[in-house]
């Protein structure tokens, strides 16, 4: 009886050692062939340096996502097509208006954005604005000239401050944009407001002057949204920054 009990006891003593050995072997195999987890929570947002490379490639039309210039032209053409349909045959005496943003809608600041690595540097941007060298966005020049031809008044509503009026006017004219109805700059009392609040308030004032706002074009949703809105709104692409 004593001898027959010795075998199961020895076997039980051996079992934990065998399990540990098997685990060690499995661990060694895992180390020899690493496993990469591709759905880790920390990898859900793309690396910012890679995103910046994609922004440059999109602007230069060398990426798989499309071409910035082409996309701008596509949206400008949509705006022009609507403008022609809406402005043709409107009632005599009706005052039609088109609302335009400036930065990344009428003028391109890409040169300054890229040189600042897509971060907002106020002194650098102020110096750039003061230079009045921002090039025009070609589709907007075509849109602007078509509005003038059709007798539609053009109002610029920009987030730029009142003290930038002179350089902004100079830049617009140098870029081939001239003959607007009004250039509205953000007043000091609106500096604490969102773009949506400020721009919708200015549209309300324009409507109060008897204008029918048939078209609004901007690069931010905040350029377009907020009562009252234009009859037709066109948003330009802008993956470079966001304004609420």
Protein backbone atom coordinates (compact mmCIF):
# COMPACT_ATOMS: atom_id res chain seq x y z
CA UNK A 1 0.00 0.00 0.00
CA UNK A 2 2.81 2.43 0.87
CA UNK A 3 4.61 1.69 -2.40
CA UNK A 4 1.45 2.14 -4.52
CA UNK A 5 0.85 5.60 -3.00
CA UNK A 6 4.37 6.80 -3.81
CA UNK A 7 3.80 7.00 -7.57
CA UNK A 8 0.81 9.40 -7.58
CA UNK A 9 2.52 11.66 -5.00
CA UNK A 10 5.70 11.85 -7.10
CA UNK A 11 3.66 12.56 -10.20
CA UNK A 12 1.78 15.35 -8.46
CA UNK A 13 5.07 16.88 -7.36
CA UNK A 14 6.31 16.75 -10.96
CA UNK A 15 3.20 18.37 -12.49
CA UNK A 16 3.82 22.01 -11.38
CA UNK A 17 7.38 21.83 -12.69
CA UNK A 18 6.14 20.55 -16.04
CA UNK A 19 3.54 23.34 -16.30
CA UNK A 20 6.18 25.97 -15.48
CA UNK A 21 8.50 24.54 -18.13
CA UNK A 22 5.74 24.65 -20.72
CA UNK A 23 4.96 28.27 -19.84
CA UNK A 24 8.62 29.20 -20.12
CA UNK A 25 8.81 27.55 -23.54
CA UNK A 26 5.69 29.43 -24.71
CA UNK A 27 7.15 32.71 -23.41
CA UNK A 28 10.40 32.07 -25.28
CA UNK A 29 8.48 31.45 -28.48
CA UNK A 30 6.55 34.69 -27.99
CA UNK A 31 9.78 36.63 -27.52
CA UNK A 32 11.18 35.05 -30.65
CA UNK A 33 8.11 36.11 -32.65
CA UNK A 34 6.80 39.46 -31.28
CA UNK A 35 3.13 40.26 -31.66
CA UNK A 36 2.11 43.79 -32.63
CA UNK A 37 -1.27 45.05 -31.43
CA UNK A 38 -2.59 47.36 -34.15
CA UNK A 39 -5.80 48.51 -32.47
CA UNK A 40 -4.30 49.99 -29.34
CA UNK A 41 -6.23 52.95 -27.95
CA UNK A 42 -3.08 55.07 -27.95
CA UNK A 43 -2.78 54.68 -31.73
CA UNK A 44 -6.27 55.89 -32.66
CA UNK A 45 -5.03 59.39 -33.49
CA UNK A 46 -2.43 59.70 -36.21
CA UNK A 47 0.97 61.10 -35.31
CA UNK A 48 0.95 64.88 -35.69
CA UNK A 49 4.15 64.98 -37.75
CA UNK A 50 2.59 62.57 -40.25
CA UNK A 51 -0.53 64.74 -40.37
CA UNK A 52 1.57 67.81 -41.14
CA UNK A 53 3.24 65.95 -43.98
CA UNK A 54 -0.20 65.10 -45.35
CA UNK A 55 -1.24 68.77 -45.12
CA UNK A 56 1.76 69.80 -47.19
CA UNK A 57 1.13 67.03 -49.71
CA UNK A 58 -2.55 67.99 -50.00
CA UNK A 59 -1.64 71.61 -50.67
CA UNK A 60 1.00 70.57 -53.21
CA UNK A 61 -1.41 68.10 -54.87
CA UNK A 62 0.94 65.16 -54.31
CA UNK A 63 -1.15 63.05 -51.92
CA UNK A 64 -3.79 60.36 -52.36
CA UNK A 65 -6.48 62.43 -50.66
CA UNK A 66 -6.87 64.95 -53.45
CA UNK A 67 -5.63 68.34 -54.52
CA UNK A 68 -6.29 71.53 -52.55
CA UNK A 69 -6.34 73.81 -55.61
CA UNK A 70 -8.72 71.50 -57.45
CA UNK A 71 -11.05 71.28 -54.45
CA UNK A 72 -11.08 75.08 -54.08
CA UNK A 73 -11.94 75.49 -57.76
CA UNK A 74 -14.70 72.89 -57.51
CA UNK A 75 -16.38 74.77 -54.65
CA UNK A 76 -15.91 78.16 -56.36
CA UNK A 77 -17.54 76.76 -59.50
CA UNK A 78 -20.53 75.59 -57.44
CA UNK A 79 -20.88 79.08 -56.01
CA UNK A 80 -20.63 80.71 -59.44
CA UNK A 81 -23.21 78.36 -60.93
CA UNK A 82 -25.70 79.18 -58.17
CA UNK A 83 -24.97 82.91 -58.41
CA UNK A 84 -25.76 82.92 -62.12
CA UNK A 85 -29.03 81.03 -61.66
CA UNK A 86 -30.19 83.11 -58.71
CA UNK A 87 -29.19 86.56 -59.93
CA UNK A 88 -30.62 86.19 -63.42
CA UNK A 89 -34.10 87.64 -63.66
CA UNK A 90 -34.41 88.85 -60.06
CA UNK A 91 -37.01 91.48 -59.25
CA UNK A 92 -36.24 95.06 -60.18
CA UNK A 93 -35.10 97.00 -57.15
CA UNK A 94 -34.21 93.92 -55.13
CA UNK A 95 -30.83 94.32 -53.47
CA UNK A 96 -28.89 91.07 -53.73
CA UNK A 97 -25.81 90.44 -51.62
CA UNK A 98 -22.99 87.91 -51.48
CA UNK A 99 -21.00 87.41 -48.26
CA UNK A 100 -17.32 86.45 -48.44
CA UNK A 101 -14.73 85.59 -45.81
CA UNK A 102 -11.13 86.68 -46.43
CA UNK A 103 -8.49 84.36 -44.95
CA UNK A 104 -8.36 81.03 -46.82
CA UNK A 105 -11.39 82.17 -48.83
CA UNK A 106 -10.29 85.26 -50.74
CA UNK A 107 -6.61 85.31 -49.71
CA UNK A 108 -4.30 82.38 -49.02
CA UNK A 109 -2.04 82.44 -45.95
CA UNK A 110 -0.50 79.05 -46.70
CA UNK A 111 3.01 80.47 -46.97
CA UNK A 112 2.84 81.79 -43.40
CA UNK A 113 1.03 78.70 -42.09
CA UNK A 114 3.65 76.34 -43.49
CA UNK A 115 6.55 78.46 -42.28
CA UNK A 116 5.02 78.39 -38.76
CA UNK A 117 4.63 74.59 -38.98
CA UNK A 118 0.82 74.97 -38.84
CA UNK A 119 0.80 76.54 -35.38
CA UNK A 120 -0.69 79.97 -34.74
CA UNK A 121 2.05 82.47 -34.04
CA UNK A 122 0.37 85.87 -33.64
CA UNK A 123 3.48 88.05 -34.14
CA UNK A 124 4.40 86.05 -37.25
CA UNK A 125 0.87 86.22 -38.64
CA UNK A 126 0.58 89.94 -37.90
CA UNK A 127 3.85 90.56 -39.75
CA UNK A 128 2.57 88.48 -42.66
CA UNK A 129 -0.73 90.39 -42.78
CA UNK A 130 1.14 93.70 -42.63
CA UNK A 131 3.19 92.67 -45.66
CA UNK A 132 -0.04 92.56 -47.75
CA UNK A 133 1.49 89.80 -49.88
CA UNK A 134 -1.09 87.02 -49.45
CA UNK A 135 -2.01 85.73 -52.92
CA UNK A 136 -5.61 85.58 -54.05
CA UNK A 137 -7.50 82.30 -54.27
CA UNK A 138 -8.19 82.19 -58.00
CA UNK A 139 -11.70 80.73 -57.80
CA UNK A 140 -12.80 83.53 -55.47
CA UNK A 141 -11.51 86.17 -57.87
CA UNK A 142 -13.67 84.62 -60.59
CA UNK A 143 -16.63 84.50 -58.18
CA UNK A 144 -16.11 88.10 -57.08
CA UNK A 145 -15.95 89.39 -60.65
CA UNK A 146 -19.06 87.41 -61.61
CA UNK A 147 -20.98 88.95 -58.71
CA UNK A 148 -19.99 92.42 -59.86
CA UNK A 149 -21.03 91.60 -63.43
CA UNK A 150 -24.43 90.42 -62.22
CA UNK A 151 -24.97 93.46 -60.00
CA UNK A 152 -24.69 91.55 -56.72
CA UNK A 153 -23.21 93.58 -53.85
CA UNK A 154 -20.23 91.91 -52.16
CA UNK A 155 -19.72 92.16 -48.40
CA UNK A 156 -16.54 90.89 -46.80
CA UNK A 157 -16.91 89.79 -43.17
CA UNK A 158 -13.49 88.98 -41.74
CA UNK A 159 -12.20 88.00 -38.33
CA UNK A 160 -9.33 90.42 -38.77
CA UNK A 161 -9.30 93.34 -36.35
CA UNK A 162 -10.18 96.91 -37.29
CA UNK A 163 -6.54 98.02 -37.00
CA UNK A 164 -5.72 95.72 -39.93
CA UNK A 165 -8.11 97.47 -42.32
CA UNK A 166 -5.55 99.44 -44.32
CA UNK A 167 -3.22 96.50 -45.00
CA UNK A 168 -6.16 94.20 -45.74
CA UNK A 169 -7.60 96.60 -48.29
CA UNK A 170 -4.18 97.00 -49.87
CA UNK A 171 -3.72 93.22 -50.03
CA UNK A 172 -7.12 92.64 -51.63
CA UNK A 173 -6.52 95.26 -54.30
CA UNK A 174 -3.01 93.98 -55.00
CA UNK A 175 -4.51 90.51 -55.47
CA UNK A 176 -6.96 91.81 -58.08
CA UNK A 177 -10.04 92.13 -55.84
CA UNK A 178 -11.60 95.58 -55.87
CA UNK A 179 -15.05 97.13 -55.86
CA UNK A 180 -16.71 95.52 -52.83
CA UNK A 181 -19.74 97.02 -51.12
CA UNK A 182 -18.28 96.88 -47.61
CA UNK A 183 -15.32 95.38 -45.76
CA UNK A 184 -16.45 94.48 -42.23
CA UNK A 185 -13.65 94.04 -39.68
CA UNK A 186 -14.15 92.52 -36.23
CA UNK A 187 -14.70 95.35 -33.72
CA UNK A 188 -13.13 95.35 -30.26
CA UNK A 189 -16.41 94.49 -28.52
CA UNK A 190 -16.66 91.30 -30.60
CA UNK A 191 -13.19 89.97 -29.79
CA UNK A 192 -14.54 87.74 -27.02
CA UNK A 193 -17.26 86.26 -29.23
CA UNK A 194 -17.03 83.18 -31.42
CA UNK A 195 -16.80 83.66 -35.17
CA UNK A 196 -20.33 82.28 -35.50
CA UNK A 197 -21.72 84.87 -33.09
CA UNK A 198 -19.83 87.76 -34.66
CA UNK A 199 -20.52 86.90 -38.30
CA UNK A 200 -24.19 86.06 -37.86
CA UNK A 201 -24.69 89.41 -36.10
CA UNK A 202 -23.11 91.20 -39.06
CA UNK A 203 -25.30 89.28 -41.51
CA UNK A 204 -28.34 90.37 -39.50
CA UNK A 205 -27.23 93.97 -39.88
CA UNK A 206 -26.81 93.54 -43.67
CA UNK A 207 -30.27 91.99 -43.93
CA UNK A 208 -31.61 94.89 -41.88
CA UNK A 209 -30.33 97.25 -44.55
CA UNK A 210 -32.68 95.62 -47.05
CA UNK A 211 -30.30 93.19 -48.72
CA UNK A 212 -31.28 89.65 -49.70
CA UNK A 213 -28.26 87.48 -48.92
CA UNK A 214 -28.30 84.92 -51.69
CA UNK A 215 -24.83 83.42 -51.27
CA UNK A 216 -22.21 83.04 -48.55
CA UNK A 217 -18.75 81.52 -49.02
CA UNK A 218 -16.16 80.73 -46.37
CA UNK A 219 -13.58 78.16 -45.30
CA UNK A 220 -15.03 77.57 -41.81
CA UNK A 221 -18.49 76.39 -40.84
CA UNK A 222 -18.51 79.35 -38.47
CA UNK A 223 -18.33 81.64 -41.53
CA UNK A 224 -21.68 80.30 -42.70
CA UNK A 225 -23.80 79.14 -39.78
CA UNK A 226 -25.95 81.15 -37.40
CA UNK A 227 -29.17 83.03 -38.13
CA UNK A 228 -29.70 84.68 -40.47
CA UNK A 229 -28.01 82.51 -43.09
CA UNK A 230 -27.69 83.07 -46.82
CA UNK A 231 -29.95 81.20 -49.22
CA UNK A 232 -26.99 79.12 -50.43
CA UNK A 233 -23.77 78.40 -48.54
CA UNK A 234 -20.51 77.07 -49.96
CA UNK A 235 -17.67 75.89 -47.73
CA UNK A 236 -14.11 75.84 -49.03
CA UNK A 237 -11.76 73.13 -47.76
CA UNK A 238 -9.45 74.13 -44.93
CA UNK A 239 -7.65 71.30 -43.11
CA UNK A 240 -5.04 73.72 -41.74
CA UNK A 241 -6.94 75.24 -38.78
CA UNK A 242 -10.38 75.43 -37.17
CA UNK A 243 -12.34 78.43 -35.86
CA UNK A 244 -15.56 77.94 -33.83
